[in-house]
N, C-alpha and C. Protein backbone atom coordinates (compact mmCIF):
# COMPACT_ATOMS: atom_id res chain seq x y z
N MET A 1 0.82 -1.22 0.00
CA MET A 1 0.01 0.01 0.00
C MET A 1 0.84 1.26 0.01
N LYS A 2 2.02 1.22 0.58
CA LYS A 2 2.86 2.40 0.65
C LYS A 2 3.49 2.76 -0.71
N TYR A 3 3.69 1.76 -1.56
CA TYR A 3 4.32 1.97 -2.84
C TYR A 3 3.52 2.96 -3.72
N PRO A 4 2.20 2.83 -3.87
CA PRO A 4 1.46 3.78 -4.72
C PRO A 4 1.54 5.23 -4.17
N SER A 5 1.54 5.40 -2.87
CA SER A 5 1.58 6.77 -2.35
C SER A 5 2.95 7.41 -2.56
N ILE A 6 4.01 6.61 -2.53
CA ILE A 6 5.35 7.11 -2.79
C ILE A 6 5.47 7.54 -4.26
N VAL A 7 4.91 6.74 -5.13
CA VAL A 7 4.93 7.08 -6.57
C VAL A 7 4.12 8.37 -6.83
N LEU A 8 2.96 8.46 -6.19
CA LEU A 8 2.14 9.64 -6.40
C LEU A 8 2.87 10.90 -5.88
N ARG A 9 3.53 10.77 -4.74
CA ARG A 9 4.27 11.92 -4.21
C ARG A 9 5.40 12.35 -5.13
N ALA A 10 5.99 11.42 -5.86
CA ALA A 10 7.09 11.75 -6.74
C ALA A 10 6.59 12.26 -8.09
N VAL A 11 5.53 11.62 -8.62
CA VAL A 11 5.05 11.91 -9.97
C VAL A 11 4.13 13.14 -10.03
N LEU A 12 3.28 13.26 -9.08
CA LEU A 12 2.25 14.32 -9.13
C LEU A 12 2.86 15.75 -9.20
N PRO A 13 3.81 16.10 -8.35
CA PRO A 13 4.38 17.45 -8.47
C PRO A 13 5.06 17.68 -9.83
N ALA A 14 5.69 16.67 -10.34
CA ALA A 14 6.35 16.80 -11.64
C ALA A 14 5.32 17.03 -12.73
N ALA A 15 4.18 16.35 -12.64
CA ALA A 15 3.13 16.52 -13.66
C ALA A 15 2.58 17.94 -13.66
N PHE A 16 2.47 18.55 -12.49
CA PHE A 16 1.99 19.93 -12.44
C PHE A 16 2.92 20.91 -13.11
N PHE A 17 4.20 20.57 -13.15
CA PHE A 17 5.18 21.41 -13.82
C PHE A 17 5.28 21.08 -15.30
N VAL A 18 5.40 19.84 -15.64
CA VAL A 18 5.68 19.41 -17.01
C VAL A 18 4.48 19.63 -17.92
N LEU A 19 3.28 19.28 -17.50
CA LEU A 19 2.10 19.41 -18.36
C LEU A 19 1.83 20.82 -18.85
N PRO A 20 1.83 21.84 -17.96
CA PRO A 20 1.61 23.21 -18.46
C PRO A 20 2.70 23.67 -19.41
N VAL A 21 3.95 23.32 -19.13
CA VAL A 21 5.05 23.74 -20.01
C VAL A 21 4.88 23.06 -21.37
N ALA A 22 4.55 21.80 -21.41
CA ALA A 22 4.37 21.07 -22.66
C ALA A 22 3.16 21.67 -23.43
N TYR A 23 2.09 22.02 -22.72
CA TYR A 23 0.94 22.60 -23.39
C TYR A 23 1.28 23.96 -23.98
N ALA A 24 2.01 24.78 -23.27
CA ALA A 24 2.38 26.10 -23.74
C ALA A 24 3.29 25.99 -24.98
N GLN A 25 4.14 24.98 -25.00
CA GLN A 25 5.04 24.81 -26.14
C GLN A 25 4.28 24.35 -27.36
N THR A 26 3.18 23.65 -27.23
CA THR A 26 2.40 23.17 -28.38
C THR A 26 1.24 24.06 -28.71
N ASN A 27 0.92 25.04 -27.86
CA ASN A 27 -0.19 25.93 -28.09
C ASN A 27 0.36 27.35 -28.29
N PRO A 28 0.53 27.78 -29.54
CA PRO A 28 1.14 29.10 -29.77
C PRO A 28 0.32 30.27 -29.19
N ALA A 29 -0.95 30.08 -28.92
CA ALA A 29 -1.76 31.15 -28.39
C ALA A 29 -1.29 31.56 -26.96
N ILE A 30 -0.72 30.63 -26.22
CA ILE A 30 -0.28 31.00 -24.89
C ILE A 30 1.24 30.92 -24.75
N ALA A 31 1.93 30.65 -25.86
CA ALA A 31 3.37 30.65 -25.82
C ALA A 31 3.86 32.05 -25.53
N GLN A 32 5.05 32.18 -24.96
CA GLN A 32 5.62 33.46 -24.61
C GLN A 32 5.78 34.34 -25.85
N VAL A 33 5.34 35.56 -25.73
CA VAL A 33 5.54 36.57 -26.81
C VAL A 33 6.93 37.14 -26.63
N THR A 34 7.68 37.21 -27.73
CA THR A 34 9.06 37.67 -27.64
C THR A 34 9.15 39.11 -28.12
N TYR A 35 9.65 39.95 -27.26
CA TYR A 35 10.02 41.34 -27.61
C TYR A 35 11.18 41.72 -26.72
N LYS A 36 12.03 42.58 -27.21
CA LYS A 36 13.17 43.05 -26.41
C LYS A 36 13.06 44.58 -26.32
N VAL A 37 13.22 45.08 -25.10
CA VAL A 37 13.09 46.52 -24.84
C VAL A 37 14.30 47.00 -24.05
N VAL A 38 14.85 48.13 -24.41
CA VAL A 38 15.91 48.77 -23.67
C VAL A 38 15.50 50.21 -23.41
N GLU A 39 15.57 50.61 -22.15
CA GLU A 39 15.26 51.99 -21.73
C GLU A 39 13.80 52.38 -22.06
N GLY A 40 12.94 51.43 -22.26
CA GLY A 40 11.51 51.68 -22.47
C GLY A 40 11.09 52.13 -23.86
N ASN A 41 12.04 52.62 -24.68
CA ASN A 41 11.64 53.10 -26.00
C ASN A 41 12.52 52.61 -27.13
N LYS A 42 13.45 51.72 -26.84
CA LYS A 42 14.26 51.08 -27.85
C LYS A 42 13.91 49.60 -27.90
N VAL A 43 13.49 49.15 -29.07
CA VAL A 43 12.98 47.77 -29.18
C VAL A 43 13.65 47.01 -30.32
N ASP A 44 13.50 45.71 -30.27
CA ASP A 44 14.05 44.87 -31.34
C ASP A 44 13.40 45.20 -32.68
N GLY A 45 14.00 44.77 -33.74
CA GLY A 45 13.52 45.11 -35.12
C GLY A 45 12.13 44.67 -35.40
N ASN A 46 11.75 43.48 -34.95
CA ASN A 46 10.37 42.99 -35.23
C ASN A 46 9.33 43.82 -34.48
N THR A 47 9.61 44.11 -33.22
CA THR A 47 8.67 44.93 -32.43
C THR A 47 8.60 46.33 -33.02
N PHE A 48 9.72 46.84 -33.52
CA PHE A 48 9.73 48.14 -34.17
C PHE A 48 8.84 48.14 -35.41
N GLN A 49 8.87 47.01 -36.16
CA GLN A 49 7.98 46.91 -37.35
C GLN A 49 6.51 46.86 -36.89
N GLY A 50 6.25 46.23 -35.76
CA GLY A 50 4.87 46.22 -35.23
C GLY A 50 4.41 47.62 -34.88
N TRP A 51 5.30 48.42 -34.25
CA TRP A 51 4.95 49.79 -33.95
C TRP A 51 4.72 50.60 -35.22
N LYS A 52 5.58 50.40 -36.25
CA LYS A 52 5.39 51.12 -37.51
C LYS A 52 4.07 50.74 -38.18
N THR A 53 3.65 49.48 -38.02
CA THR A 53 2.37 49.02 -38.54
C THR A 53 1.24 49.73 -37.79
N TRP A 54 1.36 49.83 -36.49
CA TRP A 54 0.38 50.55 -35.66
C TRP A 54 0.20 51.96 -36.19
N ARG A 55 1.33 52.63 -36.45
CA ARG A 55 1.32 54.03 -36.90
C ARG A 55 0.76 54.12 -38.33
N ALA A 56 1.25 53.29 -39.21
CA ALA A 56 0.85 53.35 -40.63
C ALA A 56 -0.63 53.08 -40.82
N LEU A 57 -1.21 52.18 -40.07
CA LEU A 57 -2.62 51.81 -40.22
C LEU A 57 -3.52 52.69 -39.35
N ASP A 58 -2.91 53.66 -38.64
CA ASP A 58 -3.64 54.67 -37.89
C ASP A 58 -4.58 54.06 -36.84
N CYS A 59 -4.10 53.05 -36.16
CA CYS A 59 -4.91 52.38 -35.14
C CYS A 59 -5.23 53.30 -33.98
N GLU A 60 -4.38 54.34 -33.80
CA GLU A 60 -4.61 55.23 -32.67
C GLU A 60 -5.86 56.08 -32.80
N ARG A 61 -6.40 56.18 -33.99
CA ARG A 61 -7.63 57.00 -34.18
C ARG A 61 -8.78 56.41 -33.40
N CYS A 62 -8.75 55.12 -33.12
CA CYS A 62 -9.81 54.51 -32.32
C CYS A 62 -9.34 54.03 -30.95
N HIS A 63 -8.06 53.58 -30.91
CA HIS A 63 -7.55 53.02 -29.65
C HIS A 63 -6.71 53.97 -28.82
N GLY A 64 -6.48 55.18 -29.34
CA GLY A 64 -5.72 56.19 -28.62
C GLY A 64 -4.20 56.09 -28.86
N ALA A 65 -3.52 57.23 -28.77
CA ALA A 65 -2.10 57.27 -29.05
C ALA A 65 -1.31 56.42 -28.08
N GLN A 66 -1.83 56.23 -26.85
CA GLN A 66 -1.16 55.41 -25.86
C GLN A 66 -1.88 54.09 -25.64
N GLN A 67 -2.70 53.73 -26.58
CA GLN A 67 -3.49 52.48 -26.55
C GLN A 67 -4.46 52.46 -25.36
N GLN A 68 -4.81 53.61 -24.85
CA GLN A 68 -5.68 53.73 -23.67
C GLN A 68 -7.15 53.58 -24.01
N GLY A 69 -7.49 53.62 -25.27
CA GLY A 69 -8.90 53.48 -25.70
C GLY A 69 -9.52 54.83 -25.93
N LEU A 70 -10.27 54.94 -27.01
CA LEU A 70 -11.08 56.10 -27.30
C LEU A 70 -12.46 55.57 -27.67
N VAL A 71 -12.79 55.52 -28.94
CA VAL A 71 -14.04 54.87 -29.35
C VAL A 71 -13.86 53.33 -29.36
N GLY A 72 -12.63 52.90 -29.54
CA GLY A 72 -12.28 51.48 -29.40
C GLY A 72 -11.77 51.21 -28.01
N PRO A 73 -11.67 49.95 -27.66
CA PRO A 73 -11.25 49.61 -26.24
C PRO A 73 -9.79 49.91 -26.00
N SER A 74 -9.45 49.99 -24.73
CA SER A 74 -8.07 50.10 -24.30
C SER A 74 -7.35 48.80 -24.62
N LEU A 75 -6.30 48.88 -25.42
CA LEU A 75 -5.53 47.70 -25.74
C LEU A 75 -4.52 47.39 -24.64
N VAL A 76 -4.17 48.38 -23.83
CA VAL A 76 -3.32 48.12 -22.67
C VAL A 76 -4.03 47.15 -21.73
N ASP A 77 -5.31 47.37 -21.54
CA ASP A 77 -6.12 46.48 -20.70
C ASP A 77 -6.42 45.14 -21.42
N ALA A 78 -6.81 45.24 -22.66
CA ALA A 78 -7.23 44.03 -23.42
C ALA A 78 -6.11 43.02 -23.54
N PHE A 79 -4.89 43.48 -23.71
CA PHE A 79 -3.77 42.55 -23.94
C PHE A 79 -3.29 41.88 -22.67
N LYS A 80 -3.89 42.16 -21.55
CA LYS A 80 -3.61 41.43 -20.34
C LYS A 80 -4.18 40.02 -20.44
N THR A 81 -5.24 39.83 -21.31
CA THR A 81 -5.87 38.51 -21.44
C THR A 81 -5.97 38.06 -22.89
N LEU A 82 -5.82 38.95 -23.85
CA LEU A 82 -6.03 38.63 -25.27
C LEU A 82 -4.87 37.79 -25.78
N ASP A 83 -5.15 36.61 -26.30
CA ASP A 83 -4.08 35.74 -26.85
C ASP A 83 -3.91 36.02 -28.35
N LYS A 84 -2.83 35.46 -28.91
CA LYS A 84 -2.54 35.70 -30.33
C LYS A 84 -3.62 35.22 -31.26
N ASN A 85 -4.27 34.10 -30.96
CA ASN A 85 -5.35 33.59 -31.85
C ASN A 85 -6.50 34.56 -31.88
N GLU A 86 -6.93 35.07 -30.72
CA GLU A 86 -8.03 36.00 -30.71
C GLU A 86 -7.66 37.30 -31.40
N PHE A 87 -6.42 37.77 -31.18
CA PHE A 87 -5.96 38.95 -31.88
C PHE A 87 -6.01 38.75 -33.40
N HIS A 88 -5.50 37.61 -33.84
CA HIS A 88 -5.53 37.29 -35.28
C HIS A 88 -6.95 37.28 -35.83
N ARG A 89 -7.84 36.62 -35.12
CA ARG A 89 -9.26 36.61 -35.58
C ARG A 89 -9.85 38.02 -35.64
N THR A 90 -9.53 38.86 -34.67
CA THR A 90 -10.08 40.20 -34.64
C THR A 90 -9.49 41.04 -35.78
N VAL A 91 -8.19 40.99 -35.94
CA VAL A 91 -7.54 41.83 -36.98
C VAL A 91 -7.95 41.42 -38.39
N PHE A 92 -8.04 40.11 -38.60
CA PHE A 92 -8.35 39.61 -39.95
C PHE A 92 -9.83 39.33 -40.19
N GLY A 93 -10.65 39.52 -39.21
CA GLY A 93 -12.11 39.38 -39.40
C GLY A 93 -12.84 40.62 -39.04
N GLY A 94 -12.19 41.48 -38.24
CA GLY A 94 -12.84 42.70 -37.77
C GLY A 94 -13.95 42.40 -36.78
N ARG A 95 -14.45 43.47 -36.25
CA ARG A 95 -15.68 43.44 -35.42
C ARG A 95 -16.54 44.58 -35.94
N VAL A 96 -17.05 44.34 -37.10
CA VAL A 96 -17.72 45.42 -37.87
C VAL A 96 -18.84 46.07 -37.06
N GLY A 97 -19.60 45.29 -36.35
CA GLY A 97 -20.69 45.84 -35.53
C GLY A 97 -20.19 46.80 -34.45
N LYS A 98 -18.95 46.66 -34.08
CA LYS A 98 -18.38 47.54 -33.05
C LYS A 98 -17.44 48.58 -33.67
N GLY A 99 -17.34 48.59 -34.99
CA GLY A 99 -16.53 49.60 -35.65
C GLY A 99 -15.11 49.17 -35.98
N MET A 100 -14.70 47.94 -35.64
CA MET A 100 -13.36 47.47 -35.91
C MET A 100 -13.30 46.94 -37.33
N PRO A 101 -12.49 47.58 -38.18
CA PRO A 101 -12.40 47.11 -39.57
C PRO A 101 -11.68 45.80 -39.72
N ASP A 102 -11.93 45.15 -40.83
CA ASP A 102 -11.21 43.92 -41.20
C ASP A 102 -9.96 44.31 -41.98
N PHE A 103 -8.78 43.91 -41.48
CA PHE A 103 -7.53 44.27 -42.12
C PHE A 103 -6.98 43.14 -42.98
N SER A 104 -7.82 42.18 -43.38
CA SER A 104 -7.31 41.03 -44.10
C SER A 104 -6.75 41.40 -45.48
N SER A 105 -7.13 42.52 -46.04
CA SER A 105 -6.60 42.92 -47.36
C SER A 105 -5.36 43.76 -47.25
N SER A 106 -4.93 44.08 -46.04
CA SER A 106 -3.74 44.89 -45.86
C SER A 106 -2.46 44.05 -45.91
N GLN A 107 -1.65 44.31 -46.91
CA GLN A 107 -0.38 43.58 -47.02
C GLN A 107 0.51 43.83 -45.80
N MET A 108 0.50 45.05 -45.32
CA MET A 108 1.32 45.37 -44.15
C MET A 108 0.89 44.57 -42.93
N MET A 109 -0.43 44.44 -42.73
CA MET A 109 -0.91 43.69 -41.57
C MET A 109 -0.63 42.20 -41.77
N GLN A 110 -0.78 41.71 -42.97
CA GLN A 110 -0.49 40.30 -43.21
C GLN A 110 0.95 39.97 -42.86
N LYS A 111 1.85 40.88 -43.20
CA LYS A 111 3.28 40.67 -42.95
C LYS A 111 3.67 40.92 -41.49
N ASN A 112 2.97 41.80 -40.79
CA ASN A 112 3.43 42.25 -39.46
C ASN A 112 2.48 42.04 -38.33
N TRP A 113 1.43 41.21 -38.50
CA TRP A 113 0.46 41.10 -37.39
C TRP A 113 1.12 40.56 -36.11
N GLU A 114 2.05 39.60 -36.24
CA GLU A 114 2.68 39.08 -35.01
C GLU A 114 3.61 40.11 -34.39
N ASN A 115 4.23 40.94 -35.23
CA ASN A 115 5.06 42.03 -34.69
C ASN A 115 4.21 43.07 -33.98
N LEU A 116 3.03 43.37 -34.55
CA LEU A 116 2.10 44.26 -33.91
C LEU A 116 1.60 43.71 -32.58
N TYR A 117 1.34 42.39 -32.55
CA TYR A 117 0.93 41.75 -31.31
C TYR A 117 2.02 41.91 -30.27
N ALA A 118 3.27 41.70 -30.66
CA ALA A 118 4.39 41.83 -29.72
C ALA A 118 4.50 43.27 -29.19
N TYR A 119 4.35 44.27 -30.06
CA TYR A 119 4.39 45.67 -29.63
C TYR A 119 3.30 45.94 -28.60
N LEU A 120 2.09 45.54 -28.94
CA LEU A 120 0.94 45.82 -28.02
C LEU A 120 1.07 45.06 -26.72
N LYS A 121 1.61 43.84 -26.78
CA LYS A 121 1.82 43.05 -25.54
C LYS A 121 2.85 43.75 -24.69
N GLY A 122 3.92 44.28 -25.31
CA GLY A 122 4.92 45.00 -24.56
C GLY A 122 4.36 46.28 -23.91
N ARG A 123 3.45 46.92 -24.59
CA ARG A 123 2.78 48.09 -24.01
C ARG A 123 1.95 47.67 -22.83
N SER A 124 1.17 46.59 -23.00
CA SER A 124 0.29 46.13 -21.95
C SER A 124 1.08 45.63 -20.72
N ASP A 125 2.23 45.02 -20.99
CA ASP A 125 3.08 44.55 -19.89
C ASP A 125 3.78 45.67 -19.16
N GLY A 126 3.72 46.88 -19.72
CA GLY A 126 4.39 48.03 -19.11
C GLY A 126 5.88 48.12 -19.43
N GLN A 127 6.35 47.31 -20.35
CA GLN A 127 7.74 47.30 -20.69
C GLN A 127 8.09 48.35 -21.75
N ILE A 128 7.16 48.62 -22.64
CA ILE A 128 7.38 49.60 -23.71
C ILE A 128 6.62 50.85 -23.32
N LYS A 129 7.32 51.99 -23.31
CA LYS A 129 6.70 53.25 -22.96
C LYS A 129 5.88 53.80 -24.14
N PRO A 130 4.86 54.58 -23.88
CA PRO A 130 4.09 55.19 -24.97
C PRO A 130 4.98 56.18 -25.71
N GLY A 131 4.62 56.46 -26.95
CA GLY A 131 5.34 57.45 -27.75
C GLY A 131 6.17 56.82 -28.81
N ASP A 132 7.07 57.63 -29.37
CA ASP A 132 7.91 57.20 -30.46
C ASP A 132 8.94 56.17 -29.98
N LEU A 133 9.22 55.21 -30.87
CA LEU A 133 10.20 54.17 -30.56
C LEU A 133 11.40 54.27 -31.48
N GLN A 134 12.44 53.63 -31.08
CA GLN A 134 13.64 53.48 -31.90
C GLN A 134 13.99 51.99 -31.96
N SER A 135 14.62 51.59 -33.04
CA SER A 135 15.10 50.23 -33.14
C SER A 135 16.43 50.13 -32.35
N ILE A 136 16.58 49.07 -31.62
CA ILE A 136 17.85 48.85 -30.89
C ILE A 136 19.00 48.89 -31.84
N ASP A 137 18.78 48.40 -33.06
CA ASP A 137 19.81 48.31 -34.07
C ASP A 137 20.12 49.63 -34.77
N ALA A 138 19.31 50.68 -34.51
CA ALA A 138 19.53 51.95 -35.17
C ALA A 138 20.84 52.58 -34.74
N LYS A 139 21.52 53.17 -35.66
CA LYS A 139 22.79 53.81 -35.35
C LYS A 139 22.63 55.30 -35.23
C-alpha cells in the first residue's frame, strides 16, 4: 500500500510542472511573446515593425495614441488577457458591428500582425513606454 503513495508523491508534483510547459510549447496562443526593450523606448527590429504598422494603419484613431482606448477599447487592458489567436481573428475578421475594420486585405498587416501583437503586448506589460520608438539596431 505504501508503494502507490510514494509514486504519487514523486510523480504528481512533476506533472503539475511538465504538463503546463508542454501545453504552452504546443499551443502558440499561450506561448511566450518575444520582444526586447531597452530603456523603455528602444525595441528589437520585429517589435519596431509592429509599432510602424500601428502608426501606418492609424490604429490610434480609435484606440488612442497610448493604446488607452477612445471609441475602441483600451488595448493596454485588453492585452492582459487577449491571446494571439483572438488577436488574429479580430484583426483579420474585424468586429464590424463595433466599428473594428477587417484588415485582411492589408499587405502590411499580413506581414506584421505578429510584430504588432508583440508591440501591443509589450505596451500592456508596461515594458514599452508610450510614444515614439527606436530600433535597438539603429545607429
